[in-house]
Amino acid sequence: QRVADILADVQKRGDAAVLEYTARFD
């Protein structure tokens, strides 16, 4: 479920989502 949410968010918001998850997870 978490992966599904991340994929959908990156598909929708692109770079902004990638930056957010990179800050959160890495």
mmCIF file of all heavy atoms, coordinates in Angstrom:
data_MODEL
# 
_entry.id   MODEL 
# 
loop_
_atom_site.group_PDB 
_atom_site.id 
_atom_site.type_symbol 
_atom_site.label_atom_id 
_atom_site.label_alt_id 
_atom_site.label_comp_id 
_atom_site.label_asym_id 
_atom_site.label_entity_id 
_atom_site.label_seq_id 
_atom_site.pdbx_PDB_ins_code 
_atom_site.Cartn_x 
_atom_site.Cartn_y 
_atom_site.Cartn_z 
_atom_site.occupancy 
_atom_site.B_iso_or_equiv 
_atom_site.pdbx_formal_charge 
_atom_site.auth_seq_id 
_atom_site.auth_comp_id 
_atom_site.auth_asym_id 
_atom_site.auth_atom_id 
_atom_site.pdbx_PDB_model_num 
ATOM 1   N N   . GLN A 1 1  ? 0.819  -1.202 0.000   1.00 0.00 ? 1  GLN A N   1 
ATOM 2   C CA  . GLN A 1 1  ? 0.000  0.000  0.000   1.00 0.00 ? 1  GLN A CA  1 
ATOM 3   C C   . GLN A 1 1  ? 0.854  1.254  0.000   1.00 0.00 ? 1  GLN A C   1 
ATOM 4   O O   . GLN A 1 1  ? 0.564  2.228  -0.703  1.00 0.00 ? 1  GLN A O   1 
ATOM 5   C CB  . GLN A 1 1  ? -0.933 0.012  1.221   1.00 0.00 ? 1  GLN A CB  1 
ATOM 6   C CG  . GLN A 1 1  ? -1.915 1.179  1.230   1.00 0.00 ? 1  GLN A CG  1 
ATOM 7   C CD  . GLN A 1 1  ? -2.759 1.227  -0.029  1.00 0.00 ? 1  GLN A CD  1 
ATOM 8   O OE1 . GLN A 1 1  ? -3.442 0.258  -0.365  1.00 0.00 ? 1  GLN A OE1 1 
ATOM 9   N NE2 . GLN A 1 1  ? -2.742 2.350  -0.755  1.00 0.00 ? 1  GLN A NE2 1 
ATOM 10  N N   . ARG A 1 2  ? 1.942  1.223  0.776   1.00 0.00 ? 2  ARG A N   1 
ATOM 11  C CA  . ARG A 1 2  ? 2.827  2.386  0.831   1.00 0.00 ? 2  ARG A CA  1 
ATOM 12  C C   . ARG A 1 2  ? 3.459  2.624  -0.543  1.00 0.00 ? 2  ARG A C   1 
ATOM 13  O O   . ARG A 1 2  ? 3.569  3.768  -1.006  1.00 0.00 ? 2  ARG A O   1 
ATOM 14  C CB  . ARG A 1 2  ? 3.921  2.155  1.892   1.00 0.00 ? 2  ARG A CB  1 
ATOM 15  C CG  . ARG A 1 2  ? 4.717  3.413  2.196   1.00 0.00 ? 2  ARG A CG  1 
ATOM 16  C CD  . ARG A 1 2  ? 3.893  4.385  3.024   1.00 0.00 ? 2  ARG A CD  1 
ATOM 17  N NE  . ARG A 1 2  ? 4.583  5.663  3.155   1.00 0.00 ? 2  ARG A NE  1 
ATOM 18  C CZ  . ARG A 1 2  ? 4.214  6.779  2.542   1.00 0.00 ? 2  ARG A CZ  1 
ATOM 19  N NH1 . ARG A 1 2  ? 3.176  6.791  1.731   1.00 0.00 ? 2  ARG A NH1 1 
ATOM 20  N NH2 . ARG A 1 2  ? 4.880  7.899  2.744   1.00 0.00 ? 2  ARG A NH2 1 
ATOM 21  N N   . VAL A 1 3  ? 3.885  1.551  -1.176  1.00 0.00 ? 3  VAL A N   1 
ATOM 22  C CA  . VAL A 1 3  ? 4.487  1.670  -2.501  1.00 0.00 ? 3  VAL A CA  1 
ATOM 23  C C   . VAL A 1 3  ? 3.479  2.225  -3.501  1.00 0.00 ? 3  VAL A C   1 
ATOM 24  O O   . VAL A 1 3  ? 3.803  3.111  -4.305  1.00 0.00 ? 3  VAL A O   1 
ATOM 25  C CB  . VAL A 1 3  ? 5.035  0.304  -2.979  1.00 0.00 ? 3  VAL A CB  1 
ATOM 26  C CG1 . VAL A 1 3  ? 5.347  0.325  -4.471  1.00 0.00 ? 3  VAL A CG1 1 
ATOM 27  C CG2 . VAL A 1 3  ? 6.283  -0.071 -2.189  1.00 0.00 ? 3  VAL A CG2 1 
ATOM 28  N N   . ALA A 1 4  ? 2.249  1.733  -3.450  1.00 0.00 ? 4  ALA A N   1 
ATOM 29  C CA  . ALA A 1 4  ? 1.211  2.224  -4.360  1.00 0.00 ? 4  ALA A CA  1 
ATOM 30  C C   . ALA A 1 4  ? 1.001  3.724  -4.181  1.00 0.00 ? 4  ALA A C   1 
ATOM 31  O O   . ALA A 1 4  ? 0.855  4.469  -5.161  1.00 0.00 ? 4  ALA A O   1 
ATOM 32  C CB  . ALA A 1 4  ? -0.099 1.468  -4.124  1.00 0.00 ? 4  ALA A CB  1 
ATOM 33  N N   . ASP A 1 5  ? 1.018  4.177  -2.932  1.00 0.00 ? 5  ASP A N   1 
ATOM 34  C CA  . ASP A 1 5  ? 0.830  5.610  -2.656  1.00 0.00 ? 5  ASP A CA  1 
ATOM 35  C C   . ASP A 1 5  ? 2.001  6.432  -3.201  1.00 0.00 ? 5  ASP A C   1 
ATOM 36  O O   . ASP A 1 5  ? 1.807  7.514  -3.773  1.00 0.00 ? 5  ASP A O   1 
ATOM 37  C CB  . ASP A 1 5  ? 0.699  5.838  -1.144  1.00 0.00 ? 5  ASP A CB  1 
ATOM 38  C CG  . ASP A 1 5  ? -0.581 5.246  -0.572  1.00 0.00 ? 5  ASP A CG  1 
ATOM 39  O OD1 . ASP A 1 5  ? -1.507 4.951  -1.357  1.00 0.00 ? 5  ASP A OD1 1 
ATOM 40  O OD2 . ASP A 1 5  ? -0.645 5.056  0.663   1.00 0.00 ? 5  ASP A OD2 1 
ATOM 41  N N   . ILE A 1 6  ? 3.228  5.914  -3.025  1.00 0.00 ? 6  ILE A N   1 
ATOM 42  C CA  . ILE A 1 6  ? 4.414  6.635  -3.496  1.00 0.00 ? 6  ILE A CA  1 
ATOM 43  C C   . ILE A 1 6  ? 4.411  6.732  -5.021  1.00 0.00 ? 6  ILE A C   1 
ATOM 44  O O   . ILE A 1 6  ? 4.668  7.796  -5.590  1.00 0.00 ? 6  ILE A O   1 
ATOM 45  C CB  . ILE A 1 6  ? 5.703  5.950  -2.996  1.00 0.00 ? 6  ILE A CB  1 
ATOM 46  C CG1 . ILE A 1 6  ? 5.823  6.084  -1.467  1.00 0.00 ? 6  ILE A CG1 1 
ATOM 47  C CG2 . ILE A 1 6  ? 6.941  6.548  -3.676  1.00 0.00 ? 6  ILE A CG2 1 
ATOM 48  C CD1 . ILE A 1 6  ? 6.935  5.254  -0.860  1.00 0.00 ? 6  ILE A CD1 1 
ATOM 49  N N   . LEU A 1 7  ? 4.100  5.616  -5.691  1.00 0.00 ? 7  LEU A N   1 
ATOM 50  C CA  . LEU A 1 7  ? 4.079  5.624  -7.152  1.00 0.00 ? 7  LEU A CA  1 
ATOM 51  C C   . LEU A 1 7  ? 3.061  6.631  -7.669  1.00 0.00 ? 7  LEU A C   1 
ATOM 52  O O   . LEU A 1 7  ? 3.346  7.412  -8.590  1.00 0.00 ? 7  LEU A O   1 
ATOM 53  C CB  . LEU A 1 7  ? 3.738  4.234  -7.694  1.00 0.00 ? 7  LEU A CB  1 
ATOM 54  C CG  . LEU A 1 7  ? 4.744  3.105  -7.435  1.00 0.00 ? 7  LEU A CG  1 
ATOM 55  C CD1 . LEU A 1 7  ? 4.262  1.817  -8.100  1.00 0.00 ? 7  LEU A CD1 1 
ATOM 56  C CD2 . LEU A 1 7  ? 6.128  3.459  -7.939  1.00 0.00 ? 7  LEU A CD2 1 
ATOM 57  N N   . ALA A 1 8  ? 1.878  6.615  -7.080  1.00 0.00 ? 8  ALA A N   1 
ATOM 58  C CA  . ALA A 1 8  ? 0.831  7.532  -7.528  1.00 0.00 ? 8  ALA A CA  1 
ATOM 59  C C   . ALA A 1 8  ? 1.229  8.978  -7.286  1.00 0.00 ? 8  ALA A C   1 
ATOM 60  O O   . ALA A 1 8  ? 0.963  9.861  -8.124  1.00 0.00 ? 8  ALA A O   1 
ATOM 61  C CB  . ALA A 1 8  ? -0.478 7.211  -6.806  1.00 0.00 ? 8  ALA A CB  1 
ATOM 62  N N   . ASP A 1 9  ? 1.890  9.233  -6.164  1.00 0.00 ? 9  ASP A N   1 
ATOM 63  C CA  . ASP A 1 9  ? 2.289  10.604 -5.834  1.00 0.00 ? 9  ASP A CA  1 
ATOM 64  C C   . ASP A 1 9  ? 3.368  11.110 -6.784  1.00 0.00 ? 9  ASP A C   1 
ATOM 65  O O   . ASP A 1 9  ? 3.316  12.261 -7.266  1.00 0.00 ? 9  ASP A O   1 
ATOM 66  C CB  . ASP A 1 9  ? 2.784  10.650 -4.390  1.00 0.00 ? 9  ASP A CB  1 
ATOM 67  C CG  . ASP A 1 9  ? 2.847  12.065 -3.828  1.00 0.00 ? 9  ASP A CG  1 
ATOM 68  O OD1 . ASP A 1 9  ? 2.184  12.964 -4.398  1.00 0.00 ? 9  ASP A OD1 1 
ATOM 69  O OD2 . ASP A 1 9  ? 3.564  12.269 -2.832  1.00 0.00 ? 9  ASP A OD2 1 
ATOM 70  N N   . VAL A 1 10 ? 4.358  10.253 -7.088  1.00 0.00 ? 10 VAL A N   1 
ATOM 71  C CA  . VAL A 1 10 ? 5.412  10.666 -8.018  1.00 0.00 ? 10 VAL A CA  1 
ATOM 72  C C   . VAL A 1 10 ? 4.837  10.859 -9.414  1.00 0.00 ? 10 VAL A C   1 
ATOM 73  O O   . VAL A 1 10 ? 5.202  11.810 -10.124 1.00 0.00 ? 10 VAL A O   1 
ATOM 74  C CB  . VAL A 1 10 ? 6.559  9.635  -8.038  1.00 0.00 ? 10 VAL A CB  1 
ATOM 75  C CG1 . VAL A 1 10 ? 7.562  9.959  -9.141  1.00 0.00 ? 10 VAL A CG1 1 
ATOM 76  C CG2 . VAL A 1 10 ? 7.271  9.596  -6.687  1.00 0.00 ? 10 VAL A CG2 1 
ATOM 77  N N   . GLN A 1 11 ? 3.907  9.998  -9.807  1.00 0.00 ? 11 GLN A N   1 
ATOM 78  C CA  . GLN A 1 11 ? 3.283  10.151 -11.123 1.00 0.00 ? 11 GLN A CA  1 
ATOM 79  C C   . GLN A 1 11 ? 2.525  11.477 -11.219 1.00 0.00 ? 11 GLN A C   1 
ATOM 80  O O   . GLN A 1 11 ? 2.517  12.128 -12.262 1.00 0.00 ? 11 GLN A O   1 
ATOM 81  C CB  . GLN A 1 11 ? 2.335  8.980  -11.390 1.00 0.00 ? 11 GLN A CB  1 
ATOM 82  C CG  . GLN A 1 11 ? 1.789  8.922  -12.813 1.00 0.00 ? 11 GLN A CG  1 
ATOM 83  C CD  . GLN A 1 11 ? 0.976  7.675  -13.074 1.00 0.00 ? 11 GLN A CD  1 
ATOM 84  O OE1 . GLN A 1 11 ? 0.463  7.040  -12.145 1.00 0.00 ? 11 GLN A OE1 1 
ATOM 85  N NE2 . GLN A 1 11 ? 0.848  7.303  -14.334 1.00 0.00 ? 11 GLN A NE2 1 
ATOM 86  N N   . LYS A 1 12 ? 1.933  11.896 -10.100 1.00 0.00 ? 12 LYS A N   1 
ATOM 87  C CA  . LYS A 1 12 ? 1.144  13.129 -10.081 1.00 0.00 ? 12 LYS A CA  1 
ATOM 88  C C   . LYS A 1 12 ? 2.012  14.372 -9.908  1.00 0.00 ? 12 LYS A C   1 
ATOM 89  O O   . LYS A 1 12 ? 1.856  15.354 -10.641 1.00 0.00 ? 12 LYS A O   1 
ATOM 90  C CB  . LYS A 1 12 ? 0.117  13.050 -8.945  1.00 0.00 ? 12 LYS A CB  1 
ATOM 91  C CG  . LYS A 1 12 ? -0.771 14.276 -8.823  1.00 0.00 ? 12 LYS A CG  1 
ATOM 92  C CD  . LYS A 1 12 ? -1.768 14.109 -7.675  1.00 0.00 ? 12 LYS A CD  1 
ATOM 93  C CE  . LYS A 1 12 ? -2.650 15.344 -7.518  1.00 0.00 ? 12 LYS A CE  1 
ATOM 94  N NZ  . LYS A 1 12 ? -3.607 15.191 -6.383  1.00 0.00 ? 12 LYS A NZ  1 
ATOM 95  N N   . ARG A 1 13 ? 2.950  14.341 -8.953  1.00 0.00 ? 13 ARG A N   1 
ATOM 96  C CA  . ARG A 1 13 ? 3.687  15.559 -8.592  1.00 0.00 ? 13 ARG A CA  1 
ATOM 97  C C   . ARG A 1 13 ? 5.127  15.595 -9.093  1.00 0.00 ? 13 ARG A C   1 
ATOM 98  O O   . ARG A 1 13 ? 5.808  16.609 -8.958  1.00 0.00 ? 13 ARG A O   1 
ATOM 99  C CB  . ARG A 1 13 ? 3.670  15.748 -7.081  1.00 0.00 ? 13 ARG A CB  1 
ATOM 100 C CG  . ARG A 1 13 ? 2.283  15.981 -6.485  1.00 0.00 ? 13 ARG A CG  1 
ATOM 101 C CD  . ARG A 1 13 ? 2.388  16.564 -5.079  1.00 0.00 ? 13 ARG A CD  1 
ATOM 102 N NE  . ARG A 1 13 ? 3.014  15.628 -4.144  1.00 0.00 ? 13 ARG A NE  1 
ATOM 103 C CZ  . ARG A 1 13 ? 4.019  15.947 -3.344  1.00 0.00 ? 13 ARG A CZ  1 
ATOM 104 N NH1 . ARG A 1 13 ? 4.543  17.160 -3.367  1.00 0.00 ? 13 ARG A NH1 1 
ATOM 105 N NH2 . ARG A 1 13 ? 4.525  15.032 -2.517  1.00 0.00 ? 13 ARG A NH2 1 
ATOM 106 N N   . GLY A 1 14 ? 5.620  14.480 -9.637  1.00 0.00 ? 14 GLY A N   1 
ATOM 107 C CA  . GLY A 1 14 ? 6.942  14.454 -10.242 1.00 0.00 ? 14 GLY A CA  1 
ATOM 108 C C   . GLY A 1 14 ? 8.078  14.802 -9.302  1.00 0.00 ? 14 GLY A C   1 
ATOM 109 O O   . GLY A 1 14 ? 8.197  14.248 -8.208  1.00 0.00 ? 14 GLY A O   1 
ATOM 110 N N   . ASP A 1 15 ? 8.910  15.759 -9.718  1.00 0.00 ? 15 ASP A N   1 
ATOM 111 C CA  . ASP A 1 15 ? 10.115 16.117 -8.963  1.00 0.00 ? 15 ASP A CA  1 
ATOM 112 C C   . ASP A 1 15 ? 9.815  16.497 -7.512  1.00 0.00 ? 15 ASP A C   1 
ATOM 113 O O   . ASP A 1 15 ? 10.585 16.157 -6.605  1.00 0.00 ? 15 ASP A O   1 
ATOM 114 C CB  . ASP A 1 15 ? 10.833 17.282 -9.639  1.00 0.00 ? 15 ASP A CB  1 
ATOM 115 C CG  . ASP A 1 15 ? 11.536 16.873 -10.925 1.00 0.00 ? 15 ASP A CG  1 
ATOM 116 O OD1 . ASP A 1 15 ? 11.739 15.665 -11.138 1.00 0.00 ? 15 ASP A OD1 1 
ATOM 117 O OD2 . ASP A 1 15 ? 11.886 17.778 -11.717 1.00 0.00 ? 15 ASP A OD2 1 
ATOM 118 N N   . ALA A 1 16 ? 8.720  17.196 -7.287  1.00 0.00 ? 16 ALA A N   1 
ATOM 119 C CA  . ALA A 1 16 ? 8.397  17.638 -5.923  1.00 0.00 ? 16 ALA A CA  1 
ATOM 120 C C   . ALA A 1 16 ? 8.225  16.440 -4.993  1.00 0.00 ? 16 ALA A C   1 
ATOM 121 O O   . ALA A 1 16 ? 8.701  16.455 -3.845  1.00 0.00 ? 16 ALA A O   1 
ATOM 122 C CB  . ALA A 1 16 ? 7.125  18.488 -5.934  1.00 0.00 ? 16 ALA A CB  1 
ATOM 123 N N   . ALA A 1 17 ? 7.561  15.395 -5.491  1.00 0.00 ? 17 ALA A N   1 
ATOM 124 C CA  . ALA A 1 17 ? 7.374  14.201 -4.679  1.00 0.00 ? 17 ALA A CA  1 
ATOM 125 C C   . ALA A 1 17 ? 8.701  13.477 -4.459  1.00 0.00 ? 17 ALA A C   1 
ATOM 126 O O   . ALA A 1 17 ? 8.994  13.003 -3.354  1.00 0.00 ? 17 ALA A O   1 
ATOM 127 C CB  . ALA A 1 17 ? 6.362  13.265 -5.339  1.00 0.00 ? 17 ALA A CB  1 
ATOM 128 N N   . VAL A 1 18 ? 9.527  13.398 -5.517  1.00 0.00 ? 18 VAL A N   1 
ATOM 129 C CA  . VAL A 1 18 ? 10.834 12.751 -5.385  1.00 0.00 ? 18 VAL A CA  1 
ATOM 130 C C   . VAL A 1 18 ? 11.671 13.459 -4.326  1.00 0.00 ? 18 VAL A C   1 
ATOM 131 O O   . VAL A 1 18 ? 12.308 12.819 -3.475  1.00 0.00 ? 18 VAL A O   1 
ATOM 132 C CB  . VAL A 1 18 ? 11.566 12.737 -6.741  1.00 0.00 ? 18 VAL A CB  1 
ATOM 133 C CG1 . VAL A 1 18 ? 13.019 12.261 -6.562  1.00 0.00 ? 18 VAL A CG1 1 
ATOM 134 C CG2 . VAL A 1 18 ? 10.850 11.840 -7.743  1.00 0.00 ? 18 VAL A CG2 1 
ATOM 135 N N   . LEU A 1 19 ? 11.682 14.787 -4.332  1.00 0.00 ? 19 LEU A N   1 
ATOM 136 C CA  . LEU A 1 19 ? 12.439 15.550 -3.339  1.00 0.00 ? 19 LEU A CA  1 
ATOM 137 C C   . LEU A 1 19 ? 11.922 15.288 -1.931  1.00 0.00 ? 19 LEU A C   1 
ATOM 138 O O   . LEU A 1 19 ? 12.700 15.120 -0.983  1.00 0.00 ? 19 LEU A O   1 
ATOM 139 C CB  . LEU A 1 19 ? 12.358 17.051 -3.657  1.00 0.00 ? 19 LEU A CB  1 
ATOM 140 C CG  . LEU A 1 19 ? 13.153 17.529 -4.877  1.00 0.00 ? 19 LEU A CG  1 
ATOM 141 C CD1 . LEU A 1 19 ? 12.742 18.941 -5.262  1.00 0.00 ? 19 LEU A CD1 1 
ATOM 142 C CD2 . LEU A 1 19 ? 14.652 17.465 -4.594  1.00 0.00 ? 19 LEU A CD2 1 
ATOM 143 N N   . GLU A 1 20 ? 10.596 15.231 -1.796  1.00 0.00 ? 20 GLU A N   1 
ATOM 144 C CA  . GLU A 1 20 ? 9.996  15.014 -0.470  1.00 0.00 ? 20 GLU A CA  1 
ATOM 145 C C   . GLU A 1 20 ? 10.362 13.645 0.085   1.00 0.00 ? 20 GLU A C   1 
ATOM 146 O O   . GLU A 1 20 ? 10.762 13.518 1.254   1.00 0.00 ? 20 GLU A O   1 
ATOM 147 C CB  . GLU A 1 20 ? 8.476  15.153 -0.589  1.00 0.00 ? 20 GLU A CB  1 
ATOM 148 C CG  . GLU A 1 20 ? 7.744  14.969 0.736   1.00 0.00 ? 20 GLU A CG  1 
ATOM 149 C CD  . GLU A 1 20 ? 6.239  15.092 0.558   1.00 0.00 ? 20 GLU A CD  1 
ATOM 150 O OE1 . GLU A 1 20 ? 5.798  16.031 -0.140  1.00 0.00 ? 20 GLU A OE1 1 
ATOM 151 O OE2 . GLU A 1 20 ? 5.511  14.244 1.116   1.00 0.00 ? 20 GLU A OE2 1 
ATOM 152 N N   . TYR A 1 21 ? 10.256 12.601 -0.751  1.00 0.00 ? 21 TYR A N   1 
ATOM 153 C CA  . TYR A 1 21 ? 10.555 11.251 -0.263  1.00 0.00 ? 21 TYR A CA  1 
ATOM 154 C C   . TYR A 1 21 ? 12.048 11.056 -0.035  1.00 0.00 ? 21 TYR A C   1 
ATOM 155 O O   . TYR A 1 21 ? 12.452 10.322 0.874   1.00 0.00 ? 21 TYR A O   1 
ATOM 156 C CB  . TYR A 1 21 ? 10.021 10.200 -1.247  1.00 0.00 ? 21 TYR A CB  1 
ATOM 157 C CG  . TYR A 1 21 ? 8.505  10.161 -1.292  1.00 0.00 ? 21 TYR A CG  1 
ATOM 158 C CD1 . TYR A 1 21 ? 7.827  10.376 -2.483  1.00 0.00 ? 21 TYR A CD1 1 
ATOM 159 C CD2 . TYR A 1 21 ? 7.768  9.927  -0.141  1.00 0.00 ? 21 TYR A CD2 1 
ATOM 160 C CE1 . TYR A 1 21 ? 6.442  10.357 -2.530  1.00 0.00 ? 21 TYR A CE1 1 
ATOM 161 C CE2 . TYR A 1 21 ? 6.386  9.901  -0.172  1.00 0.00 ? 21 TYR A CE2 1 
ATOM 162 C CZ  . TYR A 1 21 ? 5.721  10.112 -1.364  1.00 0.00 ? 21 TYR A CZ  1 
ATOM 163 O OH  . TYR A 1 21 ? 4.358  10.099 -1.400  1.00 0.00 ? 21 TYR A OH  1 
ATOM 164 N N   . THR A 1 22 ? 12.877 11.700 -0.832  1.00 0.00 ? 22 THR A N   1 
ATOM 165 C CA  . THR A 1 22 ? 14.322 11.604 -0.624  1.00 0.00 ? 22 THR A CA  1 
ATOM 166 C C   . THR A 1 22 ? 14.711 12.227 0.712   1.00 0.00 ? 22 THR A C   1 
ATOM 167 O O   . THR A 1 22 ? 15.558 11.707 1.440   1.00 0.00 ? 22 THR A O   1 
ATOM 168 C CB  . THR A 1 22 ? 15.079 12.286 -1.781  1.00 0.00 ? 22 THR A CB  1 
ATOM 169 O OG1 . THR A 1 22 ? 14.741 11.641 -3.009  1.00 0.00 ? 22 THR A OG1 1 
ATOM 170 C CG2 . THR A 1 22 ? 16.583 12.210 -1.584  1.00 0.00 ? 22 THR A CG2 1 
ATOM 171 N N   . ALA A 1 23 ? 14.072 13.327 1.052   1.00 0.00 ? 23 ALA A N   1 
ATOM 172 C CA  . ALA A 1 23 ? 14.329 13.953 2.357   1.00 0.00 ? 23 ALA A CA  1 
ATOM 173 C C   . ALA A 1 23 ? 13.823 13.064 3.492   1.00 0.00 ? 23 ALA A C   1 
ATOM 174 O O   . ALA A 1 23 ? 14.497 12.895 4.515   1.00 0.00 ? 23 ALA A O   1 
ATOM 175 C CB  . ALA A 1 23 ? 13.647 15.319 2.407   1.00 0.00 ? 23 ALA A CB  1 
ATOM 176 N N   . ARG A 1 24 ? 12.643 12.465 3.290   1.00 0.00 ? 24 ARG A N   1 
ATOM 177 C CA  . ARG A 1 24 ? 12.030 11.669 4.361   1.00 0.00 ? 24 ARG A CA  1 
ATOM 178 C C   . ARG A 1 24 ? 12.761 10.353 4.594   1.00 0.00 ? 24 ARG A C   1 
ATOM 179 O O   . ARG A 1 24 ? 13.056 9.978  5.734   1.00 0.00 ? 24 ARG A O   1 
ATOM 180 C CB  . ARG A 1 24 ? 10.568 11.384 4.012   1.00 0.00 ? 24 ARG A CB  1 
ATOM 181 C CG  . ARG A 1 24 ? 9.820  10.660 5.131   1.00 0.00 ? 24 ARG A CG  1 
ATOM 182 C CD  . ARG A 1 24 ? 8.399  10.295 4.717   1.00 0.00 ? 24 ARG A CD  1 
ATOM 183 N NE  . ARG A 1 24 ? 7.656  11.438 4.201   1.00 0.00 ? 24 ARG A NE  1 
ATOM 184 C CZ  . ARG A 1 24 ? 6.429  11.344 3.698   1.00 0.00 ? 24 ARG A CZ  1 
ATOM 185 N NH1 . ARG A 1 24 ? 5.812  10.170 3.635   1.00 0.00 ? 24 ARG A NH1 1 
ATOM 186 N NH2 . ARG A 1 24 ? 5.806  12.417 3.250   1.00 0.00 ? 24 ARG A NH2 1 
ATOM 187 N N   . PHE A 1 25 ? 13.093 9.633  3.512   1.00 0.00 ? 25 PHE A N   1 
ATOM 188 C CA  . PHE A 1 25 ? 13.643 8.281  3.656   1.00 0.00 ? 25 PHE A CA  1 
ATOM 189 C C   . PHE A 1 25 ? 15.166 8.248  3.688   1.00 0.00 ? 25 PHE A C   1 
ATOM 190 O O   . PHE A 1 25 ? 15.757 7.379  4.323   1.00 0.00 ? 25 PHE A O   1 
ATOM 191 C CB  . PHE A 1 25 ? 13.140 7.380  2.525   1.00 0.00 ? 25 PHE A CB  1 
ATOM 192 C CG  . PHE A 1 25 ? 11.640 7.203  2.516   1.00 0.00 ? 25 PHE A CG  1 
ATOM 193 C CD1 . PHE A 1 25 ? 10.922 7.322  1.341   1.00 0.00 ? 25 PHE A CD1 1 
ATOM 194 C CD2 . PHE A 1 25 ? 10.952 6.918  3.684   1.00 0.00 ? 25 PHE A CD2 1 
ATOM 195 C CE1 . PHE A 1 25 ? 9.543  7.168  1.321   1.00 0.00 ? 25 PHE A CE1 1 
ATOM 196 C CE2 . PHE A 1 25 ? 9.574  6.760  3.681   1.00 0.00 ? 25 PHE A CE2 1 
ATOM 197 C CZ  . PHE A 1 25 ? 8.865  6.889  2.501   1.00 0.00 ? 25 PHE A CZ  1 
ATOM 198 N N   . ASP A 1 26 ? 15.830 9.175  2.997   1.00 0.00 ? 26 ASP A N   1 
ATOM 199 C CA  . ASP A 1 26 ? 17.288 9.165  2.949   1.00 0.00 ? 26 ASP A CA  1 
ATOM 200 C C   . ASP A 1 26 ? 17.919 10.271 3.784   1.00 0.00 ? 26 ASP A C   1 
ATOM 201 O O   . ASP A 1 26 ? 19.150 10.366 3.845   1.00 0.00 ? 26 ASP A O   1 
ATOM 202 C CB  . ASP A 1 26 ? 17.773 9.313  1.497   1.00 0.00 ? 26 ASP A CB  1 
ATOM 203 C CG  . ASP A 1 26 ? 17.496 8.059  0.671   1.00 0.00 ? 26 ASP A CG  1 
ATOM 204 O OD1 . ASP A 1 26 ? 17.252 7.003  1.278   1.00 0.00 ? 26 ASP A OD1 1 
ATOM 205 O OD2 . ASP A 1 26 ? 17.525 8.140  -0.571  1.00 0.00 ? 26 ASP A OD2 1 
# 
